[in-house]
Amino acid sequence: MASRALILLRARLQAQRDGARLPIASLFMQAFAATVACALPPSDLPHFAYALYALSVSAFLVAIPLFGELGDLLVRDEAEAWVSALPLRSRDLRLARLGHLCIALGLLTLGALVPAALLADGFSIGERLLLIAAGLAQSLFLAALLVSLMSLLSARAQALLVLLQTGLFLSAIVGGALGLRHLDALRTLNGPTESSLAWFPPAWFAAPFAGTLLTSAWVVLAPSILLASLAVLAFVPAPAVATTRGGALLLGRALAPVRALALKFWVRRNERGVFNLVFEALPKEREFVLRTYPLIGLPLAFLLVGTRGEDSEGKQALLSLLLFTPGVYLPVLLAHVPVSASHRARWILDGAPLTKAQIDNAALKAVAIRFLLPLYLALGALSWSLCGAGFTLRMTPITFLVTLAVVRQIYRGFGIENPLSVPPEEIAADQSWFNAMMMIALLLTLAAVFATKLLVSPLTCAIVIAALLFLEWIQDRQLSQSVAE
């Protein structure tokens, strides 16, 4: 049995695309982020406090890819067509899947924890190795937790699973931003029983570094969790791959009136097919949702963090900046518009009697209504609650129209493929995209500063809105009349 599982494991590894067998770029990013994070806490921390901090950083750096594209290892086999023709037992498949996942998790965990172990002041070689081992066990626990969640929710409540994954990402980002303000408080932690850490997983695996005497329950907790995690990963069947269901999503139904208005007054007759396809299908693509929804929610999270303790003028300045910032990360969102698990159906658009410019025009309108509008409605609601109706009614329409203009420039300049036409593993961003994002960030930051100072009267705001609407009309007309090269 072991030899058959080993053959399957080699097949899974060989079936990976170029660059996935040894992800140098991912390991470098993990190591860089861990080095920066683990250099921040004070050097005189107790061993338990440093281990708790390092394992928390590792949990975040591993959980994000694990709950994203790495999670596909739990439900998909890239050599499935070959494996299904072989006389194999299910346990052989499970062992091969477990081995593949352990290799991927091990690489990611080592990328995060080797720098943390090297930066651990006062740790012996044995303690540094124990820290790495604790991180590996923690990563297996996170994978087992994900398997359990996906088994329960993947085929029944995909939206809830996505919500949990997005919540994890945002809570980790916001928690990290808030936690950096209280690093000195780590000096008081010398064991898991000294604070309310009983429900915090990194504390379970940092318990061996405690400077106080632990109960037998804490001593056996981490090894027990490790064994249970291995059992879950080895014996629980792979979660079912969620299939796309018919019908409209909740947000899509809520946006039905706006969609109807857009179809009547904004979307041209020859653009309606592409518009409806992107509007309905793109939010149901799992890879698109997992890779982009956390980015959409990120400004909302930092808004709640940044406005704590600010006066009215400071809140308005921060809100102005956040209302302009969606244009900075829009290239990432737009780069994933072509993502589709059903990319082989791209002939539907390739054979449509439309130019590439007309397809792009319809797709960006669908993205604007389906994703940008809800984001700005949420930002506007928060702005209203924090700074009142006057500021919100002045700034929100203007920033939405500015962001829409940025979307048009990105679509025209970045050469984005047709929507829903590219497999997820082939999505890549060119280096020029990052240069463009930096330039967009600089320009939008300047725009936010000037908007805060100049857009104070209703007449001025009305003139700016009218000018932006005219600019949108011109750009829409030019793009819809473009011919294929």
Protein backbone atom coordinates (compact mmCIF):
# COMPACT_ATOMS: atom_id res chain seq x y z
CA MET A 1 0.00 0.00 0.00
CA ALA A 2 2.80 2.42 0.86
CA SER A 3 4.44 1.92 -2.52
CA ARG A 4 1.18 2.61 -4.37
CA ALA A 5 0.60 5.76 -2.32
CA LEU A 6 4.17 6.87 -3.05
CA ILE A 7 3.62 6.40 -6.79
CA LEU A 8 0.44 8.47 -6.59
CA LEU A 9 2.24 11.14 -4.60
CA ARG A 10 4.93 11.40 -7.29
CA ALA A 11 2.21 11.64 -9.91
CA ARG A 12 0.51 14.48 -8.05
CA LEU A 13 3.78 16.36 -7.75
CA GLN A 14 4.70 15.80 -11.41
CA ALA A 15 1.24 16.97 -12.51
CA GLN A 16 1.80 20.40 -10.98
CA ARG A 17 2.43 23.25 -13.33
CA ASP A 18 5.87 24.81 -13.70
CA GLY A 19 6.94 26.74 -10.63
CA ALA A 20 4.48 25.02 -8.29
CA ARG A 21 6.77 22.15 -7.26
CA LEU A 22 9.17 24.52 -5.53
CA PRO A 23 7.40 27.89 -5.17
CA ILE A 24 10.45 30.08 -4.73
CA ALA A 25 8.46 33.33 -4.98
CA SER A 26 5.96 32.24 -2.32
CA LEU A 27 8.72 31.06 0.01
CA PHE A 28 10.58 34.34 -0.42
CA MET A 29 7.45 36.35 0.40
CA GLN A 30 6.75 34.15 3.44
CA ALA A 31 10.32 34.56 4.67
CA PHE A 32 10.35 38.30 4.05
CA ALA A 33 7.03 38.89 5.84
CA ALA A 34 8.05 36.68 8.78
CA THR A 35 11.44 38.39 9.10
CA VAL A 36 9.86 41.84 9.22
CA ALA A 37 7.15 40.77 11.66
CA CYS A 38 9.45 38.87 14.03
CA ALA A 39 11.93 41.77 14.17
CA LEU A 40 9.27 44.07 15.66
CA PRO A 41 8.65 42.70 19.19
CA PRO A 42 10.98 43.59 22.08
CA SER A 43 14.11 41.46 22.41
CA ASP A 44 13.55 40.66 26.10
CA LEU A 45 10.31 38.73 25.69
CA PRO A 46 9.82 35.49 27.62
CA HIS A 47 10.23 32.42 25.49
CA PHE A 48 6.52 31.63 25.62
CA ALA A 49 5.57 35.16 24.54
CA TYR A 50 7.92 35.09 21.55
CA ALA A 51 6.78 31.60 20.54
CA LEU A 52 3.15 32.74 20.81
CA TYR A 53 3.87 35.75 18.62
CA ALA A 54 5.90 33.79 16.03
CA LEU A 55 3.25 31.06 15.80
CA SER A 56 0.53 33.69 15.38
CA VAL A 57 2.47 35.21 12.47
CA SER A 58 3.01 31.75 10.97
CA ALA A 59 -0.69 30.87 11.34
CA PHE A 60 -1.67 33.98 9.40
CA LEU A 61 0.93 33.48 6.66
CA VAL A 62 -0.09 29.83 6.20
CA ALA A 63 -3.86 30.26 6.60
CA ILE A 64 -4.24 32.79 3.79
CA PRO A 65 -2.92 30.52 0.99
CA LEU A 66 -4.38 27.45 2.69
CA PHE A 67 -7.86 28.95 2.69
CA GLY A 68 -7.29 30.16 -0.87
CA GLU A 69 -5.62 28.45 -3.81
CA LEU A 70 -3.72 25.90 -1.67
CA GLY A 71 -7.08 24.59 -0.46
CA ASP A 72 -7.59 23.06 -3.90
CA LEU A 73 -5.18 20.30 -2.86
CA LEU A 74 -7.89 19.10 -0.50
CA VAL A 75 -10.57 18.73 -3.16
CA ARG A 76 -8.82 18.35 -6.51
CA ASP A 77 -6.33 15.96 -8.02
CA GLU A 78 -4.46 17.34 -11.03
CA ALA A 79 -3.78 13.74 -12.13
CA GLU A 80 -7.38 12.63 -11.63
CA ALA A 81 -7.88 11.51 -15.24
CA TRP A 82 -4.89 9.18 -14.94
CA VAL A 83 -5.62 8.00 -11.40
CA SER A 84 -9.27 7.12 -12.08
CA ALA A 85 -8.18 4.47 -14.60
CA LEU A 86 -6.00 2.62 -12.07
CA PRO A 87 -7.05 -0.26 -9.77
CA LEU A 88 -6.53 1.58 -6.50
CA ARG A 89 -8.03 1.70 -3.06
CA SER A 90 -9.44 4.88 -1.57
CA ARG A 91 -6.91 4.76 1.28
CA ASP A 92 -4.07 4.95 -1.25
CA LEU A 93 -5.59 8.12 -2.66
CA ARG A 94 -6.02 9.58 0.83
CA LEU A 95 -2.42 8.84 1.79
CA ALA A 96 -1.12 10.41 -1.42
CA ARG A 97 -3.30 13.47 -0.85
CA LEU A 98 -2.07 13.72 2.75
CA GLY A 99 1.56 13.47 1.65
CA HIS A 100 1.10 16.16 -1.01
CA LEU A 101 -0.57 18.48 1.45
CA CYS A 102 2.13 17.90 4.08
CA ILE A 103 4.85 18.79 1.56
CA ALA A 104 3.09 22.00 0.53
CA LEU A 105 2.32 22.96 4.12
CA GLY A 106 5.84 22.11 5.22
CA LEU A 107 7.36 24.42 2.62
CA LEU A 108 5.06 27.30 3.54
CA THR A 109 5.58 26.79 7.26
CA LEU A 110 9.34 26.57 6.96
CA GLY A 111 9.35 29.75 4.92
CA ALA A 112 7.64 31.54 7.80
CA LEU A 113 9.20 29.87 10.83
CA VAL A 114 12.86 29.45 9.88
CA PRO A 115 13.38 33.25 10.00
CA ALA A 116 11.37 33.38 13.24
CA ALA A 117 13.57 30.68 14.79
CA LEU A 118 16.75 32.45 13.68
CA LEU A 119 15.55 35.73 15.25
CA ALA A 120 14.58 34.09 18.57
CA ASP A 121 16.88 35.69 21.17
CA GLY A 122 18.07 33.37 23.91
CA PHE A 123 16.66 30.19 22.36
CA SER A 124 18.84 27.09 22.27
CA ILE A 125 19.15 25.04 19.09
CA GLY A 126 16.69 22.52 20.51
CA GLU A 127 14.17 25.24 21.30
CA ARG A 128 14.49 26.70 17.82
CA LEU A 129 13.83 23.27 16.31
CA LEU A 130 10.90 22.81 18.70
CA LEU A 131 9.45 26.13 17.52
CA ILE A 132 9.58 24.96 13.91
CA ALA A 133 8.02 21.61 14.86
CA ALA A 134 5.23 23.40 16.74
CA GLY A 135 4.58 25.51 13.65
CA LEU A 136 4.35 22.42 11.44
CA ALA A 137 1.86 20.85 13.85
CA GLN A 138 -0.16 24.06 13.88
CA SER A 139 -0.31 24.11 10.07
CA LEU A 140 -1.62 20.54 10.05
CA PHE A 141 -4.30 21.58 12.54
CA LEU A 142 -5.35 24.47 10.29
CA ALA A 143 -5.54 22.10 7.31
CA ALA A 144 -7.66 19.64 9.30
CA LEU A 145 -9.93 22.47 10.38
CA LEU A 146 -10.33 23.53 6.76
CA VAL A 147 -11.13 19.96 5.69
CA SER A 148 -13.83 19.77 8.34
CA LEU A 149 -15.33 23.12 7.32
CA MET A 150 -15.27 22.27 3.64
CA SER A 151 -16.84 18.85 4.26
CA LEU A 152 -19.68 20.54 6.12
CA LEU A 153 -20.16 23.63 3.99
CA SER A 154 -18.55 23.28 0.56
CA ALA A 155 -21.43 21.50 -1.13
CA ARG A 156 -24.21 22.95 1.03
CA ALA A 157 -23.36 26.51 2.02
CA GLN A 158 -20.60 27.79 -0.25
CA ALA A 159 -21.46 31.39 0.56
CA LEU A 160 -20.98 30.74 4.29
CA LEU A 161 -17.61 29.11 3.63
CA VAL A 162 -16.49 32.12 1.60
CA LEU A 163 -17.72 34.42 4.37
CA LEU A 164 -15.69 32.49 6.95
CA GLN A 165 -12.57 32.65 4.77
CA THR A 166 -13.00 36.36 4.15
CA GLY A 167 -13.62 36.96 7.85
CA LEU A 168 -10.42 35.10 8.72
CA PHE A 169 -8.41 37.24 6.33
CA LEU A 170 -9.86 40.53 7.55
CA SER A 171 -9.70 39.65 11.23
CA ALA A 172 -6.05 38.64 10.85
CA ILE A 173 -5.20 41.89 9.07
CA VAL A 174 -7.08 44.09 11.54
CA GLY A 175 -5.95 42.06 14.54
CA GLY A 176 -2.35 42.38 13.42
CA ALA A 177 -2.69 46.13 12.92
CA LEU A 178 -4.17 46.56 16.39
CA GLY A 179 -1.80 44.08 18.01
CA LEU A 180 1.30 45.97 16.88
CA ARG A 181 0.25 48.78 19.21
CA HIS A 182 0.46 46.48 22.23
CA LEU A 183 3.67 44.51 21.72
CA ASP A 184 4.97 45.58 25.10
CA ALA A 185 2.12 43.67 26.74
CA LEU A 186 3.76 40.43 25.59
CA ARG A 187 6.35 40.86 28.33
CA THR A 188 3.74 39.81 30.89
CA LEU A 189 2.99 36.48 29.21
CA ASN A 190 5.00 33.58 30.57
CA GLY A 191 2.50 30.77 30.00
CA PRO A 192 -0.91 29.99 28.45
CA THR A 193 -2.68 30.05 31.82
CA GLU A 194 -1.78 33.68 32.60
CA SER A 195 -4.29 35.18 30.19
CA SER A 196 -7.44 34.26 28.29
CA LEU A 197 -5.54 32.17 25.74
CA ALA A 198 -7.41 28.90 26.17
CA TRP A 199 -9.24 29.33 22.85
CA PHE A 200 -6.32 30.77 20.87
CA PRO A 201 -4.70 27.98 18.78
CA PRO A 202 -1.14 29.42 18.70
CA ALA A 203 -1.16 29.30 22.51
CA TRP A 204 -1.80 25.55 22.39
CA PHE A 205 1.34 24.95 20.38
CA ALA A 206 3.41 27.51 22.27
CA ALA A 207 2.63 25.82 25.61
CA PRO A 208 5.92 23.79 25.66
CA PHE A 209 7.80 27.11 25.96
CA ALA A 210 5.96 28.18 29.11
CA GLY A 211 8.12 29.37 31.97
CA THR A 212 5.63 28.15 34.57
CA LEU A 213 4.56 24.68 35.61
CA LEU A 214 1.76 23.42 33.36
CA THR A 215 -1.01 20.98 34.11
CA SER A 216 -0.99 17.61 32.39
CA ALA A 217 -3.82 18.78 30.10
CA TRP A 218 -1.62 21.54 28.64
CA VAL A 219 1.34 19.15 28.29
CA VAL A 220 -0.57 16.65 26.13
CA LEU A 221 -2.75 19.20 24.30
CA ALA A 222 -0.47 19.93 21.32
CA PRO A 223 0.50 16.26 20.66
CA SER A 224 -3.17 15.25 20.91
CA ILE A 225 -4.23 17.94 18.45
CA LEU A 226 -1.45 16.83 16.07
CA LEU A 227 -2.60 13.21 16.13
CA ALA A 228 -6.24 14.22 15.69
CA SER A 229 -5.33 16.48 12.76
CA LEU A 230 -3.41 13.69 11.03
CA ALA A 231 -6.37 11.36 11.53
CA VAL A 232 -8.77 13.89 10.01
CA LEU A 233 -6.53 14.51 7.01
CA ALA A 234 -5.88 10.80 6.48
CA PHE A 235 -9.35 9.34 6.95
CA VAL A 236 -11.93 12.03 6.27
CA PRO A 237 -12.97 11.83 2.59
CA ALA A 238 -12.02 14.72 0.37
CA PRO A 239 -14.69 17.42 0.42
CA ALA A 240 -17.01 17.44 -2.55
CA VAL A 241 -16.22 20.02 -5.21
CA ALA A 242 -18.94 22.64 -5.08
CA THR A 243 -20.92 22.90 -8.27
CA THR A 244 -22.34 26.14 -9.55
CA ARG A 245 -26.01 26.41 -8.77
CA GLY A 246 -28.67 28.21 -10.69
CA GLY A 247 -30.56 31.21 -9.46
CA ALA A 248 -29.46 34.62 -8.31
CA LEU A 249 -27.33 35.27 -5.26
CA LEU A 250 -28.67 37.42 -2.43
CA LEU A 251 -26.65 40.49 -3.39
CA GLY A 252 -27.58 40.00 -7.03
CA ARG A 253 -31.28 40.05 -6.10
CA ALA A 254 -30.76 43.18 -4.01
CA LEU A 255 -29.11 44.88 -6.98
CA ALA A 256 -31.90 43.91 -9.39
CA PRO A 257 -33.41 47.45 -9.57
CA VAL A 258 -30.02 49.03 -10.27
CA ARG A 259 -29.28 46.34 -12.82
CA ALA A 260 -32.56 47.05 -14.59
CA LEU A 261 -31.76 50.77 -14.73
CA ALA A 262 -28.29 50.06 -16.06
CA LEU A 263 -29.67 47.81 -18.79
CA LYS A 264 -32.15 50.49 -19.78
CA PHE A 265 -29.96 53.60 -19.75
CA TRP A 266 -26.28 52.57 -19.70
CA VAL A 267 -25.74 49.14 -21.26
CA ARG A 268 -26.16 49.04 -25.03
CA ARG A 269 -28.25 46.37 -26.71
CA ASN A 270 -25.23 44.52 -28.14
CA GLU A 271 -23.54 44.55 -24.70
CA ARG A 272 -26.39 43.00 -22.72
CA GLY A 273 -25.38 39.39 -23.26
CA VAL A 274 -21.85 39.88 -21.92
CA PHE A 275 -23.12 42.15 -19.15
CA ASN A 276 -25.61 39.54 -17.91
CA LEU A 277 -23.04 36.73 -18.20
CA VAL A 278 -20.46 38.53 -16.08
CA PHE A 279 -23.04 39.84 -13.61
CA GLU A 280 -24.48 36.37 -12.95
CA ALA A 281 -21.53 34.02 -13.43
CA LEU A 282 -18.50 35.83 -12.03
CA PRO A 283 -19.70 35.94 -8.37
CA LYS A 284 -20.25 32.17 -8.56
CA GLU A 285 -16.64 31.43 -9.50
CA ARG A 286 -15.00 30.10 -6.33
CA GLU A 287 -11.47 31.11 -7.31
CA PHE A 288 -12.53 34.66 -8.14
CA VAL A 289 -14.44 35.03 -4.88
CA LEU A 290 -11.64 33.67 -2.69
CA ARG A 291 -8.96 35.82 -4.29
CA THR A 292 -10.84 39.12 -4.57
CA TYR A 293 -13.57 39.42 -1.93
CA PRO A 294 -11.08 39.95 0.93
CA LEU A 295 -9.59 42.86 -1.05
CA ILE A 296 -13.03 44.44 -1.40
CA GLY A 297 -13.59 44.23 2.35
CA LEU A 298 -10.12 45.43 3.32
CA PRO A 299 -10.84 49.21 3.23
CA LEU A 300 -13.90 48.66 5.41
CA ALA A 301 -11.78 46.89 8.01
CA PHE A 302 -9.06 49.55 8.07
CA LEU A 303 -11.72 52.25 8.17
CA LEU A 304 -12.97 50.89 11.47
CA VAL A 305 -9.41 50.67 12.81
CA GLY A 306 -8.17 54.05 11.61
CA THR A 307 -11.07 56.17 12.79
CA ARG A 308 -10.70 55.13 16.43
CA GLY A 309 -10.02 58.24 18.49
CA GLU A 310 -9.90 60.67 15.54
CA ASP A 311 -11.64 64.04 15.60
CA SER A 312 -14.17 65.07 12.94
CA GLU A 313 -11.59 66.63 10.61
CA GLY A 314 -9.27 63.64 10.91
CA LYS A 315 -12.12 61.24 10.18
CA GLN A 316 -13.05 63.18 7.06
CA ALA A 317 -9.46 63.13 5.79
CA LEU A 318 -9.17 59.37 6.42
CA LEU A 319 -12.55 58.70 4.83
CA SER A 320 -11.60 60.73 1.76
CA LEU A 321 -8.45 58.67 1.36
CA LEU A 322 -10.32 55.39 1.80
CA LEU A 323 -13.01 56.41 -0.67
CA PHE A 324 -10.33 56.97 -3.29
CA THR A 325 -8.24 53.86 -2.51
CA PRO A 326 -10.37 51.16 -4.21
CA GLY A 327 -8.80 52.27 -7.47
CA VAL A 328 -5.39 51.20 -6.14
CA TYR A 329 -6.18 47.48 -5.82
CA LEU A 330 -8.66 47.33 -8.70
CA PRO A 331 -5.98 45.89 -11.04
CA VAL A 332 -5.91 42.79 -8.83
CA LEU A 333 -9.68 42.42 -9.03
CA LEU A 334 -9.82 43.07 -12.77
CA ALA A 335 -6.96 40.63 -13.41
CA HIS A 336 -9.21 37.88 -12.05
CA VAL A 337 -12.26 38.73 -14.14
CA PRO A 338 -11.09 36.18 -16.78
CA VAL A 339 -10.90 33.42 -14.10
CA SER A 340 -13.29 30.53 -14.62
CA ALA A 341 -13.40 26.84 -13.80
CA SER A 342 -15.46 26.55 -17.02
CA HIS A 343 -12.90 28.34 -19.15
CA ARG A 344 -13.34 25.83 -21.98
CA ALA A 345 -16.63 27.56 -22.75
CA ARG A 346 -14.76 30.67 -23.82
CA TRP A 347 -15.89 29.98 -27.40
CA ILE A 348 -19.17 31.65 -26.43
CA LEU A 349 -17.40 35.02 -26.34
CA ASP A 350 -14.71 34.22 -28.87
CA GLY A 351 -17.39 33.55 -31.46
CA ALA A 352 -19.68 36.43 -30.51
CA PRO A 353 -20.23 39.11 -33.20
CA LEU A 354 -18.62 41.72 -30.97
CA THR A 355 -15.29 43.48 -30.95
CA LYS A 356 -12.89 43.00 -28.05
CA ALA A 357 -13.57 46.60 -27.01
CA GLN A 358 -17.32 46.00 -26.85
CA ILE A 359 -16.85 42.87 -24.74
CA ASP A 360 -14.55 44.81 -22.39
CA ASN A 361 -17.07 47.65 -22.19
CA ALA A 362 -19.87 45.30 -21.19
CA ALA A 363 -17.68 43.43 -18.70
CA LEU A 364 -16.46 46.55 -16.91
CA LYS A 365 -20.05 47.81 -16.60
CA ALA A 366 -21.03 44.52 -14.97
CA VAL A 367 -18.07 44.78 -12.58
CA ALA A 368 -19.05 48.37 -11.75
CA ILE A 369 -22.65 47.43 -10.89
CA ARG A 370 -21.96 44.06 -9.25
CA PHE A 371 -18.86 44.90 -7.21
CA LEU A 372 -17.98 48.61 -7.13
CA LEU A 373 -21.46 49.88 -6.40
CA PRO A 374 -22.02 47.66 -3.31
CA LEU A 375 -18.57 48.60 -2.03
CA TYR A 376 -19.30 52.32 -2.31
CA LEU A 377 -22.75 51.88 -0.80
CA ALA A 378 -21.12 50.26 2.22
CA LEU A 379 -18.43 52.95 2.40
CA GLY A 380 -21.10 55.61 2.03
CA ALA A 381 -23.15 54.14 4.87
CA LEU A 382 -20.13 54.16 7.17
CA SER A 383 -19.23 57.68 6.07
CA TRP A 384 -22.77 58.80 6.87
CA SER A 385 -22.57 57.29 10.36
CA LEU A 386 -19.15 58.81 11.07
CA CYS A 387 -19.23 62.20 9.33
CA GLY A 388 -22.85 62.89 8.47
CA ALA A 389 -24.90 63.22 5.30
CA GLY A 390 -23.21 66.35 3.95
CA PHE A 391 -19.75 64.82 3.63
CA THR A 392 -21.16 61.53 2.31
CA LEU A 393 -23.30 63.12 -0.40
CA ARG A 394 -20.37 65.27 -1.53
CA MET A 395 -17.64 62.65 -1.66
CA THR A 396 -19.20 59.25 -2.38
CA PRO A 397 -20.62 59.96 -5.89
CA ILE A 398 -17.41 61.69 -6.94
CA THR A 399 -15.12 58.92 -5.74
CA PHE A 400 -17.32 56.27 -7.36
CA LEU A 401 -17.12 58.04 -10.72
CA VAL A 402 -13.35 58.55 -10.35
CA THR A 403 -12.94 54.84 -9.63
CA LEU A 404 -15.07 53.99 -12.65
CA ALA A 405 -12.76 56.12 -14.81
CA VAL A 406 -9.77 54.24 -13.37
CA VAL A 407 -11.47 50.93 -14.24
CA ARG A 408 -11.82 52.06 -17.85
CA GLN A 409 -8.16 53.03 -18.11
CA ILE A 410 -7.06 49.72 -16.61
CA TYR A 411 -9.22 47.73 -18.98
CA ARG A 412 -7.93 49.66 -21.97
CA GLY A 413 -4.26 49.64 -20.98
CA PHE A 414 -3.63 46.29 -19.31
CA GLY A 415 -4.80 43.95 -22.08
CA ILE A 416 -7.14 41.89 -19.90
CA GLU A 417 -8.47 38.68 -21.46
CA ASN A 418 -12.16 38.10 -22.15
CA PRO A 419 -14.17 37.43 -18.98
CA LEU A 420 -14.52 33.84 -17.73
CA SER A 421 -12.07 32.52 -20.31
CA VAL A 422 -8.84 31.61 -18.48
CA PRO A 423 -8.13 28.74 -16.04
CA PRO A 424 -7.32 29.94 -12.50
CA GLU A 425 -3.78 28.57 -12.53
CA GLU A 426 -2.82 30.65 -15.58
CA ILE A 427 -3.72 34.02 -14.08
CA ALA A 428 -0.61 36.14 -13.68
CA ALA A 429 0.15 39.83 -13.31
CA ASP A 430 2.88 41.50 -15.31
CA GLN A 431 5.52 43.58 -13.54
CA SER A 432 4.17 46.65 -15.31
CA TRP A 433 0.93 46.21 -13.40
CA PHE A 434 2.68 46.87 -10.09
CA ASN A 435 4.31 49.99 -11.50
CA ALA A 436 0.91 51.18 -12.68
CA MET A 437 -0.61 50.44 -9.26
CA MET A 438 2.03 52.59 -7.59
CA MET A 439 1.31 55.45 -9.99
CA ILE A 440 -2.45 55.06 -9.46
CA ALA A 441 -1.92 55.09 -5.69
CA LEU A 442 0.10 58.32 -5.89
CA LEU A 443 -2.44 60.08 -8.11
CA LEU A 444 -5.44 58.99 -6.05
CA THR A 445 -3.74 60.05 -2.81
CA LEU A 446 -3.19 63.52 -4.26
CA ALA A 447 -6.79 63.55 -5.48
CA ALA A 448 -8.00 62.69 -1.97
CA VAL A 449 -5.97 65.53 -0.45
CA PHE A 450 -7.28 68.11 -2.92
CA ALA A 451 -10.84 66.78 -2.68
CA THR A 452 -10.86 67.20 1.09
CA LYS A 453 -9.80 70.84 0.76
CA LEU A 454 -11.74 71.91 -2.34
CA LEU A 455 -14.98 69.91 -2.48
CA VAL A 456 -16.79 71.77 0.27
CA SER A 457 -19.69 73.47 -1.51
CA PRO A 458 -22.65 71.72 -3.21
CA LEU A 459 -22.17 73.79 -6.36
CA THR A 460 -18.53 72.73 -6.75
CA CYS A 461 -19.44 69.09 -6.17
CA ALA A 462 -22.27 69.28 -8.71
CA ILE A 463 -19.91 70.70 -11.34
CA VAL A 464 -17.34 67.95 -10.67
CA ILE A 465 -20.02 65.24 -10.85
CA ALA A 466 -21.33 66.65 -14.14
CA ALA A 467 -17.79 66.71 -15.55
CA LEU A 468 -17.15 63.11 -14.48
CA LEU A 469 -20.46 61.96 -15.97
CA PHE A 470 -19.55 63.66 -19.25
CA LEU A 471 -16.13 61.97 -19.15
CA GLU A 472 -17.84 58.60 -18.61
CA TRP A 473 -20.16 59.25 -21.57
CA ILE A 474 -17.21 60.12 -23.81
CA GLN A 475 -15.18 57.07 -22.73
CA ASP A 476 -18.17 54.77 -23.09
CA ARG A 477 -18.89 56.05 -26.58
CA GLN A 478 -15.25 55.73 -27.69
CA LEU A 479 -14.87 52.19 -26.35
CA SER A 480 -18.18 50.93 -27.75
CA GLN A 481 -17.30 52.24 -31.22
CA SER A 482 -13.79 50.76 -31.27
CA VAL A 483 -13.08 48.14 -33.92
CA ALA A 484 -10.95 45.08 -33.56
CA GLU A 485 -7.39 45.52 -34.68
